[in-house]
Amino acid sequence: MTPHLSSLVGSSLALAVGALATCTGLDRDRAFYPTVMIVISSYYVLFAVIGGSSAALLGECAVMAVFLAAALVGFRRTLWWVVAALAAHGVLDLVHPHLTASPGMPVWWPDFCLAYDGIAACYLAASLLRPRPSR
């Protein structure tokens, strides 16, 4: 998959997930986006397991712990922590291939995940800034 196509798919998927969550009301539960963040942060751990690299697994678990903590703080305090975590994970996607070798990671993943993370962060930020109708 080309970088442009993987970015297009990642962006489209993030918009689709966000729109589905908004249209169905899933995102009314403040646990929705923190859960998405936790799942997103687990993929690099999965790739380390697929690649059979113990060193990569330890490193990816440590990185995941940071994003897990941000998701939990975001759930407890303010979802702006989750916006920041999604954006930071996008930055991680930019540099990840240069920091560590994860033999189980598809070559197209960083572009896909960067696009997903960036759009998801923007979507959540826009959602937080949008006035909620009073009931």
C-alpha atoms as a PDB file:
ATOM      1  CA  MET A   1       0.000   0.000   0.000  1.00  0.00           C
ATOM      2  CA  THR A   2       1.386   3.409  -0.904  1.00  0.00           C
ATOM      3  CA  PRO A   3       1.867   6.079   1.782  1.00  0.00           C
ATOM      4  CA  HIS A   4      -0.814   8.260   0.177  1.00  0.00           C
ATOM      5  CA  LEU A   5      -3.347   5.448   0.095  1.00  0.00           C
ATOM      6  CA  SER A   6      -2.654   4.354   3.660  1.00  0.00           C
ATOM      7  CA  SER A   7      -3.036   7.981   4.803  1.00  0.00           C
ATOM      8  CA  LEU A   8      -6.303   8.316   2.890  1.00  0.00           C
ATOM      9  CA  VAL A   9      -7.640   5.110   4.408  1.00  0.00           C
ATOM     10  CA  GLY A  10      -6.540   6.135   7.919  1.00  0.00           C
ATOM     11  CA  SER A  11      -8.134   9.576   7.582  1.00  0.00           C
ATOM     12  CA  SER A  12     -11.354   8.179   6.146  1.00  0.00           C
ATOM     13  CA  LEU A  13     -11.606   5.549   8.854  1.00  0.00           C
ATOM     14  CA  ALA A  14     -11.070   8.118  11.640  1.00  0.00           C
ATOM     15  CA  LEU A  15     -13.812  10.331  10.179  1.00  0.00           C
ATOM     16  CA  ALA A  16     -16.141   7.355   9.793  1.00  0.00           C
ATOM     17  CA  VAL A  17     -15.566   6.173  13.372  1.00  0.00           C
ATOM     18  CA  GLY A  18     -16.037   9.703  14.726  1.00  0.00           C
ATOM     19  CA  ALA A  19     -19.198  10.296  12.699  1.00  0.00           C
ATOM     20  CA  LEU A  20     -20.616   6.908  13.691  1.00  0.00           C
ATOM     21  CA  ALA A  21     -19.888   7.610  17.355  1.00  0.00           C
ATOM     22  CA  THR A  22     -21.569  11.019  17.115  1.00  0.00           C
ATOM     23  CA  CYS A  23     -24.591   9.821  15.129  1.00  0.00           C
ATOM     24  CA  THR A  24     -25.265   6.852  17.400  1.00  0.00           C
ATOM     25  CA  GLY A  25     -24.465   8.648  20.640  1.00  0.00           C
ATOM     26  CA  LEU A  26     -21.556   6.368  21.526  1.00  0.00           C
ATOM     27  CA  ASP A  27     -19.388   9.411  22.134  1.00  0.00           C
ATOM     28  CA  ARG A  28     -21.794  10.724  24.773  1.00  0.00           C
ATOM     29  CA  ASP A  29     -20.116   8.274  27.127  1.00  0.00           C
ATOM     30  CA  ARG A  30     -16.872   9.921  28.191  1.00  0.00           C
ATOM     31  CA  ALA A  31     -15.179   6.501  28.146  1.00  0.00           C
ATOM     32  CA  PHE A  32     -15.457   6.214  24.351  1.00  0.00           C
ATOM     33  CA  TYR A  33     -12.407   8.205  23.238  1.00  0.00           C
ATOM     34  CA  PRO A  34     -10.160   7.089  26.110  1.00  0.00           C
ATOM     35  CA  THR A  35     -10.959   3.500  25.108  1.00  0.00           C
ATOM     36  CA  VAL A  36     -10.116   4.293  21.482  1.00  0.00           C
ATOM     37  CA  MET A  37      -6.803   5.771  22.681  1.00  0.00           C
ATOM     38  CA  ILE A  38      -5.988   2.635  24.675  1.00  0.00           C
ATOM     39  CA  VAL A  39      -6.701   0.404  21.676  1.00  0.00           C
ATOM     40  CA  ILE A  40      -4.633   2.628  19.361  1.00  0.00           C
ATOM     41  CA  SER A  41      -1.687   2.498  21.740  1.00  0.00           C
ATOM     42  CA  SER A  42      -1.839  -1.298  21.888  1.00  0.00           C
ATOM     43  CA  TYR A  43      -1.137  -1.886  18.196  1.00  0.00           C
ATOM     44  CA  TYR A  44       2.620  -1.379  18.422  1.00  0.00           C
ATOM     45  CA  VAL A  45       2.639  -3.957  21.246  1.00  0.00           C
ATOM     46  CA  LEU A  46       0.741  -6.325  18.962  1.00  0.00           C
ATOM     47  CA  PHE A  47       3.275  -5.802  16.178  1.00  0.00           C
ATOM     48  CA  ALA A  48       6.131  -6.582  18.580  1.00  0.00           C
ATOM     49  CA  VAL A  49       4.400  -9.854  19.493  1.00  0.00           C
ATOM     50  CA  ILE A  50       3.792 -10.696  15.826  1.00  0.00           C
ATOM     51  CA  GLY A  51       7.448  -9.993  15.063  1.00  0.00           C
ATOM     52  CA  GLY A  52       8.607 -12.126  17.986  1.00  0.00           C
ATOM     53  CA  SER A  53      10.883  -9.424  19.352  1.00  0.00           C
ATOM     54  CA  SER A  54      11.184  -9.407  23.151  1.00  0.00           C
ATOM     55  CA  ALA A  55      13.194  -6.182  23.088  1.00  0.00           C
ATOM     56  CA  ALA A  56      10.582  -4.439  20.952  1.00  0.00           C
ATOM     57  CA  LEU A  57       7.823  -5.830  23.192  1.00  0.00           C
ATOM     58  CA  LEU A  58       9.362  -4.332  26.341  1.00  0.00           C
ATOM     59  CA  GLY A  59       9.861  -0.958  24.692  1.00  0.00           C
ATOM     60  CA  GLU A  60       6.368  -0.886  23.190  1.00  0.00           C
ATOM     61  CA  CYS A  61       4.797  -1.832  26.530  1.00  0.00           C
ATOM     62  CA  ALA A  62       6.600   1.093  28.174  1.00  0.00           C
ATOM     63  CA  VAL A  63       5.361   3.492  25.498  1.00  0.00           C
ATOM     64  CA  MET A  64       1.848   2.082  25.736  1.00  0.00           C
ATOM     65  CA  ALA A  65       1.884   2.687  29.498  1.00  0.00           C
ATOM     66  CA  VAL A  66       2.366   6.415  28.869  1.00  0.00           C
ATOM     67  CA  PHE A  67      -0.601   6.571  26.502  1.00  0.00           C
ATOM     68  CA  LEU A  68      -2.675   4.395  28.816  1.00  0.00           C
ATOM     69  CA  ALA A  69      -1.986   6.840  31.645  1.00  0.00           C
ATOM     70  CA  ALA A  70      -2.979   9.804  29.460  1.00  0.00           C
ATOM     71  CA  ALA A  71      -6.218   8.042  28.479  1.00  0.00           C
ATOM     72  CA  LEU A  72      -7.062   7.344  32.115  1.00  0.00           C
ATOM     73  CA  VAL A  73      -6.289  10.900  33.192  1.00  0.00           C
ATOM     74  CA  GLY A  74      -8.406  12.109  30.276  1.00  0.00           C
ATOM     75  CA  PHE A  75     -11.278   9.906  31.354  1.00  0.00           C
ATOM     76  CA  ARG A  76     -11.087  11.131  34.955  1.00  0.00           C
ATOM     77  CA  ARG A  77     -10.372  14.832  34.396  1.00  0.00           C
ATOM     78  CA  THR A  78     -10.842  16.208  30.886  1.00  0.00           C
ATOM     79  CA  LEU A  79     -10.961  14.686  27.429  1.00  0.00           C
ATOM     80  CA  TRP A  80      -8.423  17.301  26.323  1.00  0.00           C
ATOM     81  CA  TRP A  81      -5.801  14.875  27.687  1.00  0.00           C
ATOM     82  CA  VAL A  82      -7.055  12.350  25.130  1.00  0.00           C
ATOM     83  CA  VAL A  83      -6.835  14.956  22.358  1.00  0.00           C
ATOM     84  CA  ALA A  84      -3.219  15.568  23.381  1.00  0.00           C
ATOM     85  CA  ALA A  85      -2.515  11.819  23.576  1.00  0.00           C
ATOM     86  CA  LEU A  86      -3.950  11.217  20.098  1.00  0.00           C
ATOM     87  CA  ALA A  87      -1.861  14.068  18.679  1.00  0.00           C
ATOM     88  CA  ALA A  88       1.248  12.817  20.514  1.00  0.00           C
ATOM     89  CA  HIS A  89       0.676   9.317  19.185  1.00  0.00           C
ATOM     90  CA  GLY A  90       0.596  10.817  15.689  1.00  0.00           C
ATOM     91  CA  VAL A  91       4.019  12.344  16.368  1.00  0.00           C
ATOM     92  CA  LEU A  92       5.180   8.939  17.596  1.00  0.00           C
ATOM     93  CA  ASP A  93       4.000   7.444  14.295  1.00  0.00           C
ATOM     94  CA  LEU A  94       6.260   9.898  12.462  1.00  0.00           C
ATOM     95  CA  VAL A  95       9.390   8.936  14.381  1.00  0.00           C
ATOM     96  CA  HIS A  96       8.656   5.334  15.381  1.00  0.00           C
ATOM     97  CA  PRO A  97      10.264   3.682  12.334  1.00  0.00           C
ATOM     98  CA  HIS A  98      13.470   5.614  13.072  1.00  0.00           C
ATOM     99  CA  LEU A  99      13.554   4.759  16.796  1.00  0.00           C
ATOM    100  CA  THR A 100      12.961   1.040  16.934  1.00  0.00           C
ATOM    101  CA  ALA A 101      12.740  -1.949  14.633  1.00  0.00           C
ATOM    102  CA  SER A 102       9.508  -3.850  14.956  1.00  0.00           C
ATOM    103  CA  PRO A 103       9.585  -6.729  12.477  1.00  0.00           C
ATOM    104  CA  GLY A 104       5.848  -7.380  12.831  1.00  0.00           C
ATOM    105  CA  MET A 105       4.810  -3.850  11.844  1.00  0.00           C
ATOM    106  CA  PRO A 106       3.507  -3.438   8.287  1.00  0.00           C
ATOM    107  CA  VAL A 107       5.507  -0.849   6.332  1.00  0.00           C
ATOM    108  CA  TRP A 108       2.342   1.160   5.636  1.00  0.00           C
ATOM    109  CA  TRP A 109       1.279   1.323   9.310  1.00  0.00           C
ATOM    110  CA  PRO A 110       2.984   4.566  10.420  1.00  0.00           C
ATOM    111  CA  ASP A 111       1.334   6.556   7.596  1.00  0.00           C
ATOM    112  CA  PHE A 112      -2.065   4.979   8.264  1.00  0.00           C
ATOM    113  CA  CYS A 113      -1.834   5.508  12.026  1.00  0.00           C
ATOM    114  CA  LEU A 114      -0.518   9.067  11.738  1.00  0.00           C
ATOM    115  CA  ALA A 115      -3.490   9.990   9.559  1.00  0.00           C
ATOM    116  CA  TYR A 116      -5.951   8.235  11.871  1.00  0.00           C
ATOM    117  CA  ASP A 117      -4.494   9.785  15.021  1.00  0.00           C
ATOM    118  CA  GLY A 118      -4.400  13.294  13.579  1.00  0.00           C
ATOM    119  CA  ILE A 119      -7.974  13.222  12.296  1.00  0.00           C
ATOM    120  CA  ALA A 120      -9.251  11.568  15.487  1.00  0.00           C
ATOM    121  CA  ALA A 121      -7.533  14.248  17.604  1.00  0.00           C
ATOM    122  CA  CYS A 122      -9.057  17.018  15.488  1.00  0.00           C
ATOM    123  CA  TYR A 123     -12.493  15.378  15.516  1.00  0.00           C
ATOM    124  CA  LEU A 124     -12.483  15.010  19.292  1.00  0.00           C
ATOM    125  CA  ALA A 125     -11.213  18.585  19.748  1.00  0.00           C
ATOM    126  CA  ALA A 126     -13.985  19.899  17.490  1.00  0.00           C
ATOM    127  CA  SER A 127     -16.494  17.839  19.434  1.00  0.00           C
ATOM    128  CA  LEU A 128     -15.287  19.285  22.733  1.00  0.00           C
ATOM    129  CA  LEU A 129     -15.508  22.830  21.378  1.00  0.00           C
ATOM    130  CA  ARG A 130     -18.996  22.338  19.928  1.00  0.00           C
ATOM    131  CA  PRO A 131     -21.784  23.529  22.250  1.00  0.00           C
ATOM    132  CA  ARG A 132     -23.926  20.668  23.534  1.00  0.00           C
ATOM    133  CA  PRO A 133     -27.693  21.081  23.399  1.00  0.00           C
ATOM    134  CA  SER A 134     -29.228  21.218  26.854  1.00  0.00           C
ATOM    135  CA  ARG A 135     -31.785  18.564  27.676  1.00  0.00           C
END
